[in-house]
Amino acid sequence: MKDIAQLANVSIATVSRVLNNSKPVSPELREKVMRIVEETGFQPNAVARSLVSKETRLIGVMIPDIANNFFSQLLYGIDSVISEYDYSLFLAITDEEVEKELKYLRLFKEKQVDGIIVGSVHFLDEHGHYLKENQVPLVVTGHDLPGYDIPTVNVNNVQAAFDATSYLISQGHRRIACIPGPLWDPPCGLDRLGGYRKAMRAHGLSIPDGYVAEGDFTAKSGYEAMARIMQAAERPTAVFVATDLMAVGAMNYLHDQGIRVPEDISVMGFDNLEIASLTRPMLTTVHNDPYMYGQAAGQNLLKQLRSEPVERISTVPHSLVIRQSVSALPT
């Protein structure tokens, strides 16, 4: 930058203003500086540029699992929005470990990211302490955080689970089991389990012992949860599963046991991941678009960076996708 200033016969601060567009300069001066930049092939140093502009153009994004298609689509949604404004992703993968989450929050601070988008986390007092101490623009997806003035993006998980369970009931099912996500995760665990229970109550149906078995998002946990449910005194005719991956695991268990889907047991998933259309039979599920989550999160974060008002809770729509894994019982 010093060489550019000498060739243009201006101060380094003036060159910085031109390159960072931080303060107005005359058209003639801008043209002169930019011509020399092009002729010399100068590449501005990102650190030096950030010191002048007070921006790194980095957005820290924290997710638990890159292998999960939901979170990879979330990232695509975020990037589709922020890249238009010359921001780049700084990705952290936590493997659902609290210590990693806190470590990456500290790293985001050290790297002076301009904003943070957080996927599913174990939200604890330590997270809240960090947020109070560091007033960085932040959006959380997949969680509602009552008590914190933090914008969130989520689907109405209770209503979506209610709708999914009610669909099974409309198909004549009365003995309906549930595989929720881990109960430490309010949206996928508590809320989707709550929607299932609400639908069963609304239709005057009981939930027998053994009909609820918690999973942990993985197909393996869905397999094991389905095995526990099948030990109940009376076999269910349908099961609502809180994620598509766990639903695939449940279907694999049933297949291994020679139990037919949907002839013997109907299976309903949640998320409408690509895998839902690849199973045989294809999985009936709740459409919950992670790309839309990412877009909404990116837009809300950009609003904060521009000091524009942001709604605290943004809700993405859901719908049922009817395929082959649910059959109607004869009336």
Protein backbone atom coordinates (compact mmCIF):
# COMPACT_ATOMS: atom_id res chain seq x y z
CA MET A 1 0.00 0.00 0.00
CA LYS A 2 2.97 2.29 0.70
CA ASP A 3 4.20 1.84 -2.89
CA ILE A 4 0.76 2.70 -4.24
CA ALA A 5 0.72 5.88 -2.14
CA GLN A 6 4.16 6.92 -3.38
CA LEU A 7 3.25 6.33 -7.03
CA ALA A 8 0.01 8.28 -6.66
CA ASN A 9 1.71 10.96 -4.56
CA VAL A 10 -0.97 10.69 -1.85
CA SER A 11 -1.10 9.50 1.76
CA ILE A 12 -1.50 5.82 2.76
CA ALA A 13 -4.73 6.82 4.49
CA THR A 14 -6.09 8.14 1.18
CA VAL A 15 -5.22 4.89 -0.59
CA SER A 16 -7.01 3.00 2.19
CA ARG A 17 -10.10 5.14 1.77
CA VAL A 18 -10.16 4.38 -1.97
CA LEU A 19 -9.62 0.62 -1.58
CA ASN A 20 -12.08 0.23 1.29
CA ASN A 21 -14.59 2.81 0.04
CA SER A 22 -14.73 4.04 3.63
CA LYS A 23 -14.84 7.79 2.90
CA PRO A 24 -15.62 9.78 -0.24
CA VAL A 25 -12.77 10.90 -2.48
CA SER A 26 -12.81 12.78 -5.78
CA PRO A 27 -13.52 10.74 -8.94
CA GLU A 28 -10.17 11.86 -10.39
CA LEU A 29 -8.22 10.64 -7.35
CA ARG A 30 -10.12 7.32 -7.25
CA GLU A 31 -9.42 6.74 -10.95
CA LYS A 32 -5.71 7.54 -10.46
CA VAL A 33 -5.31 5.16 -7.51
CA MET A 34 -7.25 2.35 -9.14
CA ARG A 35 -5.22 2.67 -12.37
CA ILE A 36 -1.99 2.25 -10.41
CA VAL A 37 -3.47 -0.67 -8.48
CA GLU A 38 -4.34 -2.40 -11.75
CA GLU A 39 -0.95 -1.67 -13.31
CA THR A 40 0.98 -3.00 -10.30
CA GLY A 41 -1.30 -5.98 -9.63
CA PHE A 42 -1.60 -4.88 -6.00
CA GLN A 43 -3.58 -7.17 -3.67
CA PRO A 44 -4.67 -5.43 -0.43
CA ASN A 45 -3.82 -7.31 2.74
CA ALA A 46 -7.01 -8.48 4.46
CA VAL A 47 -5.73 -7.74 7.97
CA ALA A 48 -4.58 -4.24 7.05
CA ARG A 49 -7.88 -3.62 5.28
CA SER A 50 -9.84 -4.70 8.33
CA LEU A 51 -7.86 -2.36 10.57
CA VAL A 52 -8.93 0.57 8.43
CA SER A 53 -12.53 -0.43 7.75
CA LYS A 54 -13.17 -2.06 11.17
CA GLU A 55 -14.59 -5.03 9.24
CA THR A 56 -13.20 -8.48 8.48
CA ARG A 57 -16.03 -9.40 6.05
CA LEU A 58 -16.16 -12.75 7.87
CA ILE A 59 -19.32 -14.39 9.23
CA GLY A 60 -18.74 -17.10 11.82
CA VAL A 61 -21.13 -20.05 11.34
CA MET A 62 -21.37 -22.85 13.91
CA ILE A 63 -23.07 -26.16 13.12
CA PRO A 64 -22.96 -29.56 14.86
CA ASP A 65 -22.49 -31.86 11.87
CA ILE A 66 -21.42 -31.20 8.27
CA ALA A 67 -22.36 -34.76 7.19
CA ASN A 68 -26.02 -34.07 8.00
CA ASN A 69 -27.64 -32.84 4.79
CA PHE A 70 -29.85 -30.45 6.78
CA PHE A 71 -26.84 -28.42 7.92
CA SER A 72 -25.06 -28.51 4.56
CA GLN A 73 -28.22 -27.04 2.96
CA LEU A 74 -28.38 -24.47 5.77
CA LEU A 75 -24.85 -23.37 4.84
CA TYR A 76 -25.78 -23.04 1.17
CA GLY A 77 -28.72 -20.84 2.17
CA ILE A 78 -26.53 -18.59 4.32
CA ASP A 79 -23.83 -18.28 1.66
CA SER A 80 -26.36 -17.46 -1.07
CA VAL A 81 -27.25 -14.30 0.86
CA ILE A 82 -24.01 -13.08 2.43
CA SER A 83 -21.80 -13.71 -0.61
CA GLU A 84 -23.78 -11.09 -2.54
CA TYR A 85 -22.43 -8.53 -0.06
CA ASP A 86 -18.81 -9.76 -0.18
CA TYR A 87 -18.93 -11.65 3.13
CA SER A 88 -17.28 -15.04 3.55
CA LEU A 89 -18.10 -17.97 5.83
CA PHE A 90 -15.82 -18.96 8.71
CA LEU A 91 -17.13 -22.43 9.52
CA ALA A 92 -16.95 -24.23 12.87
CA ILE A 93 -18.18 -27.83 13.34
CA THR A 94 -18.85 -28.73 16.97
CA ASP A 95 -19.88 -32.42 16.91
CA GLU A 96 -22.55 -31.44 19.49
CA GLU A 97 -19.85 -30.91 22.15
CA VAL A 98 -20.36 -27.98 24.51
CA GLU A 99 -16.62 -27.40 25.00
CA LYS A 100 -16.15 -27.11 21.23
CA GLU A 101 -19.04 -24.66 21.00
CA LEU A 102 -17.50 -22.41 23.64
CA LYS A 103 -14.03 -22.77 22.10
CA TYR A 104 -15.30 -21.67 18.70
CA LEU A 105 -17.17 -18.72 20.19
CA ARG A 106 -13.86 -17.59 21.69
CA LEU A 107 -12.14 -18.15 18.33
CA PHE A 108 -14.79 -16.09 16.56
CA LYS A 109 -13.98 -13.28 18.98
CA GLU A 110 -10.23 -13.59 18.34
CA LYS A 111 -10.78 -13.49 14.58
CA GLN A 112 -13.06 -10.46 15.01
CA VAL A 113 -15.81 -11.85 12.80
CA ASP A 114 -18.44 -9.26 11.86
CA GLY A 115 -21.34 -11.52 12.89
CA ILE A 116 -22.24 -15.04 13.97
CA ILE A 117 -24.90 -17.55 12.90
CA VAL A 118 -25.36 -20.51 15.23
CA GLY A 119 -27.06 -23.79 14.35
CA SER A 120 -28.19 -26.33 16.93
CA VAL A 121 -26.30 -25.92 20.22
CA HIS A 122 -26.60 -27.00 23.85
CA PHE A 123 -27.51 -23.48 24.98
CA LEU A 124 -26.17 -23.12 28.54
CA ASP A 125 -25.38 -20.28 30.96
CA GLU A 126 -21.82 -20.21 29.55
CA HIS A 127 -23.20 -19.34 26.11
CA GLY A 128 -25.35 -16.61 27.63
CA HIS A 129 -22.37 -15.17 29.49
CA TYR A 130 -20.38 -14.97 26.27
CA LEU A 131 -23.22 -13.23 24.47
CA LYS A 132 -23.61 -10.65 27.21
CA GLU A 133 -19.88 -9.93 27.26
CA ASN A 134 -19.49 -9.71 23.48
CA GLN A 135 -22.03 -7.62 21.64
CA VAL A 136 -21.46 -9.17 18.23
CA PRO A 137 -24.43 -9.39 15.82
CA LEU A 138 -25.89 -12.88 16.16
CA VAL A 139 -28.67 -15.07 14.72
CA VAL A 140 -29.61 -18.51 16.06
CA THR A 141 -31.35 -21.13 13.90
CA GLY A 142 -33.43 -24.01 15.16
CA HIS A 143 -33.90 -22.60 18.67
CA ASP A 144 -36.06 -20.06 20.45
CA LEU A 145 -34.16 -18.36 23.26
CA PRO A 146 -36.64 -16.74 25.64
CA GLY A 147 -34.91 -14.31 27.93
CA TYR A 148 -32.32 -13.31 25.33
CA ASP A 149 -32.78 -10.52 22.82
CA ILE A 150 -31.37 -12.66 20.01
CA PRO A 151 -33.04 -13.07 16.59
CA THR A 152 -33.95 -16.69 15.88
CA VAL A 153 -35.07 -18.61 12.77
CA ASN A 154 -37.17 -21.73 13.21
CA VAL A 155 -40.14 -23.74 12.02
CA ASN A 156 -43.14 -24.06 14.34
CA ASN A 157 -42.05 -27.49 15.54
CA VAL A 158 -45.03 -28.10 17.81
CA GLN A 159 -47.53 -27.35 15.05
CA ALA A 160 -45.59 -29.30 12.44
CA ALA A 161 -45.41 -32.39 14.68
CA PHE A 162 -49.10 -31.95 15.50
CA ASP A 163 -49.92 -31.87 11.78
CA ALA A 164 -47.79 -34.95 11.07
CA THR A 165 -49.39 -36.98 13.87
CA SER A 166 -52.86 -35.77 12.91
CA TYR A 167 -52.25 -37.00 9.37
CA LEU A 168 -51.49 -40.48 10.70
CA ILE A 169 -54.70 -40.33 12.73
CA SER A 170 -56.65 -39.24 9.64
CA GLN A 171 -55.43 -42.42 7.95
CA GLY A 172 -57.09 -44.52 10.62
CA HIS A 173 -54.12 -45.06 12.95
CA ARG A 174 -54.78 -45.05 16.68
CA ARG A 175 -51.74 -46.85 18.10
CA ILE A 176 -49.04 -44.33 17.16
CA ALA A 177 -45.52 -44.35 18.61
CA CYS A 178 -42.95 -41.53 18.53
CA ILE A 179 -39.17 -41.26 18.21
CA PRO A 180 -38.28 -37.69 19.23
CA GLY A 181 -34.85 -36.12 19.02
CA PRO A 182 -32.71 -35.75 22.14
CA LEU A 183 -34.63 -33.95 24.85
CA TRP A 184 -31.71 -31.56 25.47
CA ASP A 185 -32.59 -30.12 22.04
CA PRO A 186 -35.87 -28.19 22.56
CA PRO A 187 -36.99 -27.97 18.88
CA CYS A 188 -36.35 -31.53 17.76
CA GLY A 189 -36.81 -33.16 21.14
CA LEU A 190 -39.26 -31.38 23.41
CA ASP A 191 -41.26 -29.46 20.78
CA ARG A 192 -41.76 -32.29 18.29
CA LEU A 193 -42.59 -34.70 21.11
CA GLY A 194 -44.97 -32.06 22.46
CA GLY A 195 -46.72 -31.72 19.10
CA TYR A 196 -47.17 -35.49 18.91
CA ARG A 197 -48.63 -35.64 22.41
CA LYS A 198 -50.90 -32.66 21.70
CA ALA A 199 -52.35 -34.38 18.62
CA MET A 200 -52.92 -37.63 20.51
CA ARG A 201 -54.75 -35.74 23.29
CA ALA A 202 -56.78 -33.72 20.80
CA HIS A 203 -58.11 -36.93 19.29
CA GLY A 204 -58.69 -38.66 22.62
CA LEU A 205 -55.92 -41.21 22.10
CA SER A 206 -53.71 -42.66 24.82
CA ILE A 207 -49.95 -43.19 24.60
CA PRO A 208 -49.12 -46.65 25.98
CA ASP A 209 -45.94 -47.33 27.95
CA GLY A 210 -43.00 -47.93 25.64
CA TYR A 211 -44.40 -45.94 22.74
CA VAL A 212 -41.88 -43.08 23.09
CA ALA A 213 -38.16 -43.80 22.58
CA GLU A 214 -35.67 -40.93 22.31
CA GLY A 215 -33.09 -40.79 19.52
CA ASP A 216 -30.03 -38.59 18.95
CA PHE A 217 -30.48 -37.48 15.30
CA THR A 218 -28.57 -40.43 13.80
CA ALA A 219 -29.96 -43.33 11.77
CA LYS A 220 -28.37 -45.71 14.29
CA SER A 221 -30.37 -44.16 17.13
CA GLY A 222 -33.57 -44.47 15.06
CA TYR A 223 -32.82 -48.17 14.55
CA GLU A 224 -32.30 -48.71 18.28
CA ALA A 225 -35.34 -46.62 19.28
CA MET A 226 -37.57 -48.62 16.93
CA ALA A 227 -36.26 -51.82 18.50
CA ARG A 228 -37.26 -50.55 21.97
CA ILE A 229 -40.72 -49.50 20.77
CA MET A 230 -41.35 -52.95 19.30
CA GLN A 231 -40.99 -54.42 22.77
CA ALA A 232 -44.21 -52.67 23.88
CA ALA A 233 -47.09 -54.91 24.93
CA GLU A 234 -49.04 -54.02 21.78
CA ARG A 235 -47.36 -53.23 18.47
CA PRO A 236 -48.09 -49.73 17.10
CA THR A 237 -49.54 -49.38 13.63
CA ALA A 238 -47.59 -46.16 12.93
CA VAL A 239 -44.62 -44.20 14.21
CA PHE A 240 -43.86 -40.48 13.96
CA VAL A 241 -40.09 -39.88 13.85
CA ALA A 242 -38.65 -36.44 14.53
CA THR A 243 -35.98 -36.54 11.79
CA ASP A 244 -35.69 -38.26 8.43
CA LEU A 245 -32.34 -39.84 9.32
CA MET A 246 -33.84 -41.47 12.41
CA ALA A 247 -36.84 -42.52 10.33
CA VAL A 248 -34.49 -44.29 7.91
CA GLY A 249 -32.93 -46.09 10.86
CA ALA A 250 -36.38 -47.11 12.09
CA MET A 251 -37.31 -48.42 8.64
CA ASN A 252 -34.06 -50.40 8.47
CA TYR A 253 -34.88 -52.09 11.78
CA LEU A 254 -38.36 -53.01 10.56
CA HIS A 255 -36.92 -54.37 7.32
CA ASP A 256 -34.39 -56.49 9.23
CA GLN A 257 -37.23 -57.93 11.32
CA GLY A 258 -39.35 -58.75 8.29
CA ILE A 259 -41.92 -56.11 9.23
CA ARG A 260 -43.29 -54.38 6.12
CA VAL A 261 -43.60 -50.61 5.66
CA PRO A 262 -46.32 -49.45 5.24
CA GLU A 263 -48.34 -52.69 5.17
CA ASP A 264 -47.53 -53.60 8.79
CA ILE A 265 -46.34 -50.25 10.22
CA SER A 266 -46.52 -46.77 8.72
CA VAL A 267 -43.56 -44.41 9.19
CA MET A 268 -43.67 -40.59 9.13
CA GLY A 269 -40.46 -38.52 9.11
CA PHE A 270 -39.56 -34.86 9.51
CA ASP A 271 -37.32 -32.51 7.44
CA ASN A 272 -37.78 -33.79 3.85
CA LEU A 273 -34.08 -34.37 3.30
CA GLU A 274 -32.96 -35.79 -0.04
CA ILE A 275 -32.74 -39.25 1.52
CA ALA A 276 -36.51 -39.23 2.12
CA SER A 277 -37.13 -39.68 -1.61
CA LEU A 278 -34.37 -42.28 -1.98
CA THR A 279 -35.72 -44.84 0.50
CA ARG A 280 -37.98 -47.66 -0.60
CA PRO A 281 -40.75 -47.12 0.14
CA MET A 282 -40.23 -43.37 -0.20
CA LEU A 283 -40.69 -41.59 3.11
CA THR A 284 -43.76 -39.50 3.94
CA THR A 285 -42.43 -36.54 5.90
CA VAL A 286 -42.70 -32.89 6.95
CA HIS A 287 -41.08 -30.42 4.56
CA ASN A 288 -38.80 -28.20 6.63
CA ASP A 289 -36.49 -26.35 4.26
CA PRO A 290 -32.97 -25.78 5.71
CA TYR A 291 -32.03 -23.62 2.71
CA MET A 292 -34.79 -21.20 3.73
CA TYR A 293 -33.45 -21.26 7.30
CA GLY A 294 -30.06 -20.23 5.97
CA GLN A 295 -31.44 -17.49 3.77
CA ALA A 296 -33.53 -16.03 6.59
CA ALA A 297 -30.59 -16.21 9.00
CA GLY A 298 -28.27 -14.51 6.52
CA GLN A 299 -30.80 -11.76 5.81
CA ASN A 300 -31.42 -11.13 9.50
CA LEU A 301 -27.71 -10.93 10.22
CA LEU A 302 -27.13 -8.46 7.38
CA LYS A 303 -29.94 -6.30 8.78
CA GLN A 304 -28.14 -6.20 12.12
CA LEU A 305 -24.86 -5.27 10.43
CA ARG A 306 -26.69 -2.38 8.74
CA SER A 307 -28.33 -1.39 12.06
CA GLU A 308 -31.78 -2.16 10.66
CA PRO A 309 -34.63 -3.54 12.82
CA VAL A 310 -34.90 -7.34 12.98
CA GLU A 311 -37.79 -9.48 14.21
CA ARG A 312 -36.77 -11.57 17.20
CA ILE A 313 -38.53 -14.70 15.88
CA SER A 314 -38.69 -15.59 12.18
CA THR A 315 -40.75 -18.66 11.28
CA VAL A 316 -40.25 -20.66 8.08
CA PRO A 317 -43.28 -22.50 6.65
CA HIS A 318 -43.79 -26.27 6.77
CA SER A 319 -45.94 -28.70 4.81
CA LEU A 320 -46.61 -32.43 4.60
CA VAL A 321 -45.02 -34.41 1.75
CA ILE A 322 -47.13 -37.50 1.14
CA ARG A 323 -45.22 -40.44 -0.31
CA GLN A 324 -45.36 -44.21 0.19
CA SER A 325 -44.40 -45.01 3.80
CA VAL A 326 -47.87 -44.33 5.25
CA SER A 327 -50.92 -46.39 4.39
CA ALA A 328 -54.52 -45.98 5.46
CA LEU A 329 -56.06 -48.56 7.77
CA PRO A 330 -59.40 -50.05 6.74
CA THR A 331 -62.31 -48.42 8.55
